[in-house]
Amino acid sequence: MSERQGSEAAAVAVELERLRGTMEAGFARVDGSLALLVQRSDQTDKQLADHEARLDALERARWPLASVAALTAVGGVVLAGLQLTGR
């Protein structure tokens, strides 16, 4: 191998090492970004589950109001009927 070929091979090796370092840094950055996205996704899933549980609790607590309103309406109709028949 001539001296020129040896220096070219060394230059190529140096450039390949720089490229390797650049690639490793890029992959590390991408891995960090992906880890952050996964963490945020997990937090969003937890918040969504919490909101669903709270919504279910609100829906369960709401049904007596409709029942009370219906019973009051039926009671009013019965009283009105009694008053009409009582005259």
PDB file of N, CA and C in Angstrom:
ATOM      1  N   MET A   1       0.849  -1.166   0.000  1.00  0.00           N
ATOM      2  CA  MET A   1       0.000   0.000   0.000  1.00  0.00           C
ATOM      3  C   MET A   1       0.899   1.235   0.000  1.00  0.00           C
ATOM      4  N   SER A   2       0.605   2.175  -0.845  1.00  0.00           N
ATOM      5  CA  SER A   2       1.431   3.371  -0.922  1.00  0.00           C
ATOM      6  C   SER A   2       1.094   4.311   0.229  1.00  0.00           C
ATOM      7  N   GLU A   3       1.939   5.284   0.396  1.00  0.00           N
ATOM      8  CA  GLU A   3       1.740   6.257   1.484  1.00  0.00           C
ATOM      9  C   GLU A   3       0.458   7.044   1.285  1.00  0.00           C
ATOM     10  N   ARG A   4       0.159   7.358   0.034  1.00  0.00           N
ATOM     11  CA  ARG A   4      -1.061   8.119  -0.277  1.00  0.00           C
ATOM     12  C   ARG A   4      -2.296   7.295   0.042  1.00  0.00           C
ATOM     13  N   GLN A   5      -2.305   6.039  -0.323  1.00  0.00           N
ATOM     14  CA  GLN A   5      -3.445   5.175  -0.051  1.00  0.00           C
ATOM     15  C   GLN A   5      -3.621   4.990   1.457  1.00  0.00           C
ATOM     16  N   GLY A   6      -2.505   4.903   2.156  1.00  0.00           N
ATOM     17  CA  GLY A   6      -2.554   4.756   3.619  1.00  0.00           C
ATOM     18  C   GLY A   6      -3.160   5.979   4.274  1.00  0.00           C
ATOM     19  N   SER A   7      -2.807   7.175   3.814  1.00  0.00           N
ATOM     20  CA  SER A   7      -3.357   8.402   4.394  1.00  0.00           C
ATOM     21  C   SER A   7      -4.830   8.563   4.021  1.00  0.00           C
ATOM     22  N   GLU A   8      -5.200   8.126   2.820  1.00  0.00           N
ATOM     23  CA  GLU A   8      -6.614   8.174   2.417  1.00  0.00           C
ATOM     24  C   GLU A   8      -7.443   7.201   3.261  1.00  0.00           C
ATOM     25  N   ALA A   9      -6.887   6.033   3.506  1.00  0.00           N
ATOM     26  CA  ALA A   9      -7.583   5.046   4.333  1.00  0.00           C
ATOM     27  C   ALA A   9      -7.752   5.588   5.750  1.00  0.00           C
ATOM     28  N   ALA A  10      -6.749   6.255   6.252  1.00  0.00           N
ATOM     29  CA  ALA A  10      -6.827   6.831   7.597  1.00  0.00           C
ATOM     30  C   ALA A  10      -7.873   7.943   7.625  1.00  0.00           C
ATOM     31  N   ALA A  11      -7.922   8.753   6.557  1.00  0.00           N
ATOM     32  CA  ALA A  11      -8.916   9.837   6.500  1.00  0.00           C
ATOM     33  C   ALA A  11     -10.323   9.255   6.437  1.00  0.00           C
ATOM     34  N   VAL A  12     -10.489   8.182   5.670  1.00  0.00           N
ATOM     35  CA  VAL A  12     -11.795   7.529   5.589  1.00  0.00           C
ATOM     36  C   VAL A  12     -12.178   6.966   6.953  1.00  0.00           C
ATOM     37  N   ALA A  13     -11.236   6.368   7.637  1.00  0.00           N
ATOM     38  CA  ALA A  13     -11.494   5.810   8.966  1.00  0.00           C
ATOM     39  C   ALA A  13     -11.913   6.910   9.942  1.00  0.00           C
ATOM     40  N   VAL A  14     -11.255   8.046   9.865  1.00  0.00           N
ATOM     41  CA  VAL A  14     -11.600   9.171  10.743  1.00  0.00           C
ATOM     42  C   VAL A  14     -13.011   9.670  10.430  1.00  0.00           C
ATOM     43  N   GLU A  15     -13.326   9.804   9.166  1.00  0.00           N
ATOM     44  CA  GLU A  15     -14.663  10.272   8.773  1.00  0.00           C
ATOM     45  C   GLU A  15     -15.732   9.267   9.187  1.00  0.00           C
ATOM     46  N   LEU A  16     -15.434   7.978   9.024  1.00  0.00           N
ATOM     47  CA  LEU A  16     -16.378   6.952   9.464  1.00  0.00           C
ATOM     48  C   LEU A  16     -16.601   7.018  10.978  1.00  0.00           C
ATOM     49  N   GLU A  17     -15.561   7.274  11.720  1.00  0.00           N
ATOM     50  CA  GLU A  17     -15.691   7.393  13.186  1.00  0.00           C
ATOM     51  C   GLU A  17     -16.527   8.612  13.552  1.00  0.00           C
ATOM     52  N   ARG A  18     -16.307   9.709  12.837  1.00  0.00           N
ATOM     53  CA  ARG A  18     -17.137  10.908  13.085  1.00  0.00           C
ATOM     54  C   ARG A  18     -18.601  10.617  12.756  1.00  0.00           C
ATOM     55  N   LEU A  19     -18.822   9.949  11.627  1.00  0.00           N
ATOM     56  CA  LEU A  19     -20.183   9.587  11.222  1.00  0.00           C
ATOM     57  C   LEU A  19     -20.828   8.684  12.266  1.00  0.00           C
ATOM     58  N   ARG A  20     -20.055   7.740  12.777  1.00  0.00           N
ATOM     59  CA  ARG A  20     -20.562   6.842  13.818  1.00  0.00           C
ATOM     60  C   ARG A  20     -20.966   7.639  15.059  1.00  0.00           C
ATOM     61  N   GLY A  21     -20.129   8.571  15.455  1.00  0.00           N
ATOM     62  CA  GLY A  21     -20.445   9.409  16.623  1.00  0.00           C
ATOM     63  C   GLY A  21     -21.697  10.235  16.394  1.00  0.00           C
ATOM     64  N   THR A  22     -21.815  10.777  15.190  1.00  0.00           N
ATOM     65  CA  THR A  22     -22.995  11.578  14.864  1.00  0.00           C
ATOM     66  C   THR A  22     -24.253  10.710  14.902  1.00  0.00           C
ATOM     67  N   MET A  23     -24.159   9.506  14.349  1.00  0.00           N
ATOM     68  CA  MET A  23     -25.301   8.593  14.345  1.00  0.00           C
ATOM     69  C   MET A  23     -25.686   8.193  15.770  1.00  0.00           C
ATOM     70  N   GLU A  24     -24.686   7.896  16.612  1.00  0.00           N
ATOM     71  CA  GLU A  24     -24.977   7.520  18.003  1.00  0.00           C
ATOM     72  C   GLU A  24     -25.673   8.661  18.732  1.00  0.00           C
ATOM     73  N   ALA A  25     -25.202   9.879  18.518  1.00  0.00           N
ATOM     74  CA  ALA A  25     -25.823  11.035  19.169  1.00  0.00           C
ATOM     75  C   ALA A  25     -27.255  11.226  18.673  1.00  0.00           C
ATOM     76  N   GLY A  26     -27.460  11.039  17.381  1.00  0.00           N
ATOM     77  CA  GLY A  26     -28.805  11.179  16.821  1.00  0.00           C
ATOM     78  C   GLY A  26     -29.747  10.123  17.366  1.00  0.00           C
ATOM     79  N   PHE A  27     -29.278   8.880  17.438  1.00  0.00           N
ATOM     80  CA  PHE A  27     -30.119   7.813  17.980  1.00  0.00           C
ATOM     81  C   PHE A  27     -30.421   8.047  19.453  1.00  0.00           C
ATOM     82  N   ALA A  28     -29.448   8.546  20.198  1.00  0.00           N
ATOM     83  CA  ALA A  28     -29.682   8.842  21.616  1.00  0.00           C
ATOM     84  C   ALA A  28     -30.747   9.924  21.761  1.00  0.00           C
ATOM     85  N   ARG A  29     -30.694  10.926  20.905  1.00  0.00           N
ATOM     86  CA  ARG A  29     -31.692  11.993  20.935  1.00  0.00           C
ATOM     87  C   ARG A  29     -33.081  11.449  20.595  1.00  0.00           C
ATOM     88  N   VAL A  30     -33.156  10.593  19.581  1.00  0.00           N
ATOM     89  CA  VAL A  30     -34.432  10.002  19.182  1.00  0.00           C
ATOM     90  C   VAL A  30     -34.969   9.107  20.303  1.00  0.00           C
ATOM     91  N   ASP A  31     -34.086   8.309  20.921  1.00  0.00           N
ATOM     92  CA  ASP A  31     -34.508   7.454  22.035  1.00  0.00           C
ATOM     93  C   ASP A  31     -35.057   8.282  23.182  1.00  0.00           C
ATOM     94  N   GLY A  32     -34.403   9.383  23.490  1.00  0.00           N
ATOM     95  CA  GLY A  32     -34.885  10.262  24.554  1.00  0.00           C
ATOM     96  C   GLY A  32     -36.246  10.858  24.221  1.00  0.00           C
ATOM     97  N   SER A  33     -36.417  11.271  22.976  1.00  0.00           N
ATOM     98  CA  SER A  33     -37.706  11.839  22.561  1.00  0.00           C
ATOM     99  C   SER A  33     -38.806  10.791  22.625  1.00  0.00           C
ATOM    100  N   LEU A  34     -38.511   9.574  22.203  1.00  0.00           N
ATOM    101  CA  LEU A  34     -39.500   8.499  22.251  1.00  0.00           C
ATOM    102  C   LEU A  34     -39.875   8.160  23.696  1.00  0.00           C
ATOM    103  N   ALA A  35     -38.877   8.140  24.575  1.00  0.00           N
ATOM    104  CA  ALA A  35     -39.154   7.859  25.987  1.00  0.00           C
ATOM    105  C   ALA A  35     -40.065   8.940  26.572  1.00  0.00           C
ATOM    106  N   LEU A  36     -39.830  10.194  26.204  1.00  0.00           N
ATOM    107  CA  LEU A  36     -40.672  11.286  26.676  1.00  0.00           C
ATOM    108  C   LEU A  36     -42.097  11.138  26.146  1.00  0.00           C
ATOM    109  N   LEU A  37     -42.238  10.771  24.884  1.00  0.00           N
ATOM    110  CA  LEU A  37     -43.566  10.578  24.302  1.00  0.00           C
ATOM    111  C   LEU A  37     -44.311   9.427  24.974  1.00  0.00           C
ATOM    112  N   VAL A  38     -43.607   8.353  25.276  1.00  0.00           N
ATOM    113  CA  VAL A  38     -44.237   7.223  25.961  1.00  0.00           C
ATOM    114  C   VAL A  38     -44.691   7.641  27.353  1.00  0.00           C
ATOM    115  N   GLN A  39     -43.868   8.405  28.050  1.00  0.00           N
ATOM    116  CA  GLN A  39     -44.235   8.880  29.387  1.00  0.00           C
ATOM    117  C   GLN A  39     -45.470   9.775  29.320  1.00  0.00           C
ATOM    118  N   ARG A  40     -45.515  10.672  28.365  1.00  0.00           N
ATOM    119  CA  ARG A  40     -46.680  11.551  28.220  1.00  0.00           C
ATOM    120  C   ARG A  40     -47.920  10.754  27.840  1.00  0.00           C
ATOM    121  N   SER A  41     -47.751   9.747  27.007  1.00  0.00           N
ATOM    122  CA  SER A  41     -48.880   8.897  26.627  1.00  0.00           C
ATOM    123  C   SER A  41     -49.425   8.158  27.842  1.00  0.00           C
ATOM    124  N   ASP A  42     -48.532   7.659  28.692  1.00  0.00           N
ATOM    125  CA  ASP A  42     -48.965   6.979  29.918  1.00  0.00           C
ATOM    126  C   ASP A  42     -49.724   7.931  30.829  1.00  0.00           C
ATOM    127  N   GLN A  43     -49.229   9.155  30.958  1.00  0.00           N
ATOM    128  CA  GLN A  43     -49.918  10.148  31.793  1.00  0.00           C
ATOM    129  C   GLN A  43     -51.291  10.472  31.214  1.00  0.00           C
ATOM    130  N   THR A  44     -51.380  10.583  29.901  1.00  0.00           N
ATOM    131  CA  THR A  44     -52.659  10.867  29.253  1.00  0.00           C
ATOM    132  C   THR A  44     -53.629   9.715  29.470  1.00  0.00           C
ATOM    133  N   ASP A  45     -53.132   8.481  29.385  1.00  0.00           N
ATOM    134  CA  ASP A  45     -53.989   7.318  29.638  1.00  0.00           C
ATOM    135  C   ASP A  45     -54.524   7.334  31.072  1.00  0.00           C
ATOM    136  N   LYS A  46     -53.669   7.682  32.029  1.00  0.00           N
ATOM    137  CA  LYS A  46     -54.102   7.750  33.429  1.00  0.00           C
ATOM    138  C   LYS A  46     -55.147   8.845  33.621  1.00  0.00           C
ATOM    139  N   GLN A  47     -54.926   9.998  33.000  1.00  0.00           N
ATOM    140  CA  GLN A  47     -55.899  11.090  33.114  1.00  0.00           C
ATOM    141  C   GLN A  47     -57.227  10.704  32.476  1.00  0.00           C
ATOM    142  N   LEU A  48     -57.173  10.029  31.341  1.00  0.00           N
ATOM    143  CA  LEU A  48     -58.392   9.603  30.668  1.00  0.00           C
ATOM    144  C   LEU A  48     -59.164   8.603  31.527  1.00  0.00           C
ATOM    145  N   ALA A  49     -58.462   7.664  32.143  1.00  0.00           N
ATOM    146  CA  ALA A  49     -59.112   6.695  33.025  1.00  0.00           C
ATOM    147  C   ALA A  49     -59.739   7.404  34.222  1.00  0.00           C
ATOM    148  N   ASP A  50     -59.046   8.405  34.767  1.00  0.00           N
ATOM    149  CA  ASP A  50     -59.573   9.175  35.892  1.00  0.00           C
ATOM    150  C   ASP A  50     -60.830   9.938  35.484  1.00  0.00           C
ATOM    151  N   HIS A  51     -60.792  10.554  34.319  1.00  0.00           N
ATOM    152  CA  HIS A  51     -61.964  11.306  33.843  1.00  0.00           C
ATOM    153  C   HIS A  51     -63.147  10.379  33.591  1.00  0.00           C
ATOM    154  N   GLU A  52     -62.879   9.200  33.055  1.00  0.00           N
ATOM    155  CA  GLU A  52     -63.962   8.248  32.815  1.00  0.00           C
ATOM    156  C   GLU A  52     -64.582   7.796  34.132  1.00  0.00           C
ATOM    157  N   ALA A  53     -63.746   7.559  35.137  1.00  0.00           N
ATOM    158  CA  ALA A  53     -64.260   7.149  36.451  1.00  0.00           C
ATOM    159  C   ALA A  53     -65.099   8.262  37.068  1.00  0.00           C
ATOM    160  N   ARG A  54     -64.627   9.490  36.947  1.00  0.00           N
ATOM    161  CA  ARG A  54     -65.390  10.615  37.501  1.00  0.00           C
ATOM    162  C   ARG A  54     -66.705  10.803  36.762  1.00  0.00           C
ATOM    163  N   LEU A  55     -66.693  10.642  35.445  1.00  0.00           N
ATOM    164  CA  LEU A  55     -67.910  10.773  34.655  1.00  0.00           C
ATOM    165  C   LEU A  55     -68.917   9.680  35.022  1.00  0.00           C
ATOM    166  N   ASP A  56     -68.422   8.452  35.200  1.00  0.00           N
ATOM    167  CA  ASP A  56     -69.306   7.361  35.626  1.00  0.00           C
ATOM    168  C   ASP A  56     -69.940   7.663  36.973  1.00  0.00           C
ATOM    169  N   ALA A  57     -69.152   8.212  37.903  1.00  0.00           N
ATOM    170  CA  ALA A  57     -69.683   8.560  39.225  1.00  0.00           C
ATOM    171  C   ALA A  57     -70.755   9.642  39.107  1.00  0.00           C
ATOM    172  N   LEU A  58     -70.524  10.617  38.248  1.00  0.00           N
ATOM    173  CA  LEU A  58     -71.521  11.674  38.053  1.00  0.00           C
ATOM    174  C   LEU A  58     -72.801  11.119  37.441  1.00  0.00           C
ATOM    175  N   GLU A  59     -72.654  10.209  36.485  1.00  0.00           N
ATOM    176  CA  GLU A  59     -73.838   9.624  35.861  1.00  0.00           C
ATOM    177  C   GLU A  59     -74.632   8.783  36.861  1.00  0.00           C
ATOM    178  N   ARG A  60     -73.940   8.043  37.732  1.00  0.00           N
ATOM    179  CA  ARG A  60     -74.639   7.251  38.744  1.00  0.00           C
ATOM    180  C   ARG A  60     -75.342   8.148  39.756  1.00  0.00           C
ATOM    181  N   ALA A  61     -74.736   9.269  40.097  1.00  0.00           N
ATOM    182  CA  ALA A  61     -75.323  10.177  41.079  1.00  0.00           C
ATOM    183  C   ALA A  61     -76.483  10.970  40.479  1.00  0.00           C
ATOM    184  N   ARG A  62     -76.551  11.048  39.169  1.00  0.00           N
ATOM    185  CA  ARG A  62     -77.561  11.867  38.515  1.00  0.00           C
ATOM    186  C   ARG A  62     -78.906  11.158  38.394  1.00  0.00           C
ATOM    187  N   TRP A  63     -78.945   9.826  38.304  1.00  0.00           N
ATOM    188  CA  TRP A  63     -80.194   9.127  38.027  1.00  0.00           C
ATOM    189  C   TRP A  63     -81.271   9.376  39.065  1.00  0.00           C
ATOM    190  N   PRO A  64     -80.981   9.562  40.372  1.00  0.00           N
ATOM    191  CA  PRO A  64     -82.082   9.812  41.316  1.00  0.00           C
ATOM    192  C   PRO A  64     -82.845  11.100  41.013  1.00  0.00           C
ATOM    193  N   LEU A  65     -82.195  12.069  40.419  1.00  0.00           N
ATOM    194  CA  LEU A  65     -82.882  13.327  40.119  1.00  0.00           C
ATOM    195  C   LEU A  65     -84.021  13.103  39.132  1.00  0.00           C
ATOM    196  N   ALA A  66     -83.807  12.305  38.130  1.00  0.00           N
ATOM    197  CA  ALA A  66     -84.860  12.018  37.155  1.00  0.00           C
ATOM    198  C   ALA A  66     -85.990  11.229  37.816  1.00  0.00           C
ATOM    199  N   SER A  67     -85.636  10.305  38.693  1.00  0.00           N
ATOM    200  CA  SER A  67     -86.659   9.514  39.388  1.00  0.00           C
ATOM    201  C   SER A  67     -87.497  10.394  40.304  1.00  0.00           C
ATOM    202  N   VAL A  68     -86.844  11.281  41.027  1.00  0.00           N
ATOM    203  CA  VAL A  68     -87.561  12.195  41.922  1.00  0.00           C
ATOM    204  C   VAL A  68     -88.484  13.097  41.112  1.00  0.00           C
ATOM    205  N   ALA A  69     -88.023  13.581  39.987  1.00  0.00           N
ATOM    206  CA  ALA A  69     -88.862  14.441  39.146  1.00  0.00           C
ATOM    207  C   ALA A  69     -90.073  13.666  38.627  1.00  0.00           C
ATOM    208  N   ALA A  70     -89.870  12.418  38.217  1.00  0.00           N
ATOM    209  CA  ALA A  70     -90.980  11.613  37.715  1.00  0.00           C
ATOM    210  C   ALA A  70     -91.986  11.328  38.829  1.00  0.00           C
ATOM    211  N   LEU A  71     -91.496  10.993  40.022  1.00  0.00           N
ATOM    212  CA  LEU A  71     -92.399  10.729  41.150  1.00  0.00           C
ATOM    213  C   LEU A  71     -93.179  11.980  41.543  1.00  0.00           C
ATOM    214  N   THR A  72     -92.530  13.119  41.504  1.00  0.00           N
ATOM    215  CA  THR A  72     -93.212  14.380  41.817  1.00  0.00           C
ATOM    216  C   THR A  72     -94.303  14.657  40.789  1.00  0.00           C
ATOM    217  N   ALA A  73     -94.011  14.415  39.524  1.00  0.00           N
ATOM    218  CA  ALA A  73     -95.016  14.621  38.473  1.00  0.00           C
ATOM    219  C   ALA A  73     -96.192  13.676  38.657  1.00  0.00           C
ATOM    220  N   VAL A  74     -95.920  12.415  38.969  1.00  0.00           N
ATOM    221  CA  VAL A  74     -96.998  11.454  39.193  1.00  0.00           C
ATOM    222  C   VAL A  74     -97.816  11.864  40.414  1.00  0.00           C
ATOM    223  N   GLY A  75     -97.124  12.306  41.462  1.00  0.00           N
ATOM    224  CA  GLY A  75     -97.840  12.780  42.657  1.00  0.00           C
ATOM    225  C   GLY A  75     -98.728  13.970  42.342  1.00  0.00           C
ATOM    226  N   GLY A  76     -98.256  14.881  41.515  1.00  0.00           N
ATOM    227  CA  GLY A  76     -99.063  16.043  41.129  1.00  0.00           C
ATOM    228  C   GLY A  76    -100.286  15.631  40.330  1.00  0.00           C
ATOM    229  N   VAL A  77    -100.125  14.666  39.440  1.00  0.00           N
ATOM    230  CA  VAL A  77    -101.268  14.185  38.652  1.00  0.00           C
ATOM    231  C   VAL A  77    -102.283  13.507  39.567  1.00  0.00           C
ATOM    232  N   VAL A  78    -101.805  12.709  40.508  1.00  0.00           N
ATOM    233  CA  VAL A  78    -102.717  12.036  41.449  1.00  0.00           C
ATOM    234  C   VAL A  78    -103.468  13.068  42.286  1.00  0.00           C
ATOM    235  N   LEU A  79    -102.770  14.063  42.806  1.00  0.00           N
ATOM    236  CA  LEU A  79    -103.439  15.112  43.602  1.00  0.00           C
ATOM    237  C   LEU A  79    -104.449  15.885  42.778  1.00  0.00           C
ATOM    238  N   ALA A  80    -104.080  16.194  41.531  1.00  0.00           N
ATOM    239  CA  ALA A  80    -105.016  16.891  40.669  1.00  0.00           C
ATOM    240  C   ALA A  80    -106.259  16.043  40.400  1.00  0.00           C
ATOM    241  N   GLY A  81    -106.047  14.751  40.207  1.00  0.00           N
ATOM    242  CA  GLY A  81    -107.174  13.848  39.998  1.00  0.00           C
ATOM    243  C   GLY A  81    -108.063  13.754  41.229  1.00  0.00           C
ATOM    244  N   LEU A  82    -107.467  13.693  42.406  1.00  0.00           N
ATOM    245  CA  LEU A  82    -108.240  13.651  43.640  1.00  0.00           C
ATOM    246  C   LEU A  82    -109.074  14.944  43.842  1.00  0.00           C
ATOM    247  N   GLN A  83    -108.452  16.064  43.519  1.00  0.00           N
ATOM    248  CA  GLN A  83    -109.155  17.321  43.664  1.00  0.00           C
ATOM    249  C   GLN A  83    -110.338  17.399  42.695  1.00  0.00           C
ATOM    250  N   LEU A  84    -110.137  16.896  41.477  1.00  0.00           N
ATOM    251  CA  LEU A  84    -111.233  16.935  40.510  1.00  0.00           C
ATOM    252  C   LEU A  84    -112.386  16.013  40.922  1.00  0.00           C
ATOM    253  N   THR A  85    -112.077  14.866  41.427  1.00  0.00           N
ATOM    254  CA  THR A  85    -113.107  13.910  41.834  1.00  0.00           C
ATOM    255  C   THR A  85    -113.721  14.298  43.177  1.00  0.00           C
ATOM    256  N   GLY A  86    -113.030  15.053  43.976  1.00  0.00           N
ATOM    257  CA  GLY A  86    -113.512  15.453  45.306  1.00  0.00           C
ATOM    258  C   GLY A  86    -114.511  16.600  45.247  1.00  0.00           C
ATOM    259  N   ARG A  87    -114.630  17.299  44.197  1.00  0.00           N
ATOM    260  CA  ARG A  87    -115.528  18.471  44.119  1.00  0.00           C
ATOM    261  C   ARG A  87    -116.934  18.067  43.941  1.00  0.00           C
TER     262      ARG A  87
END
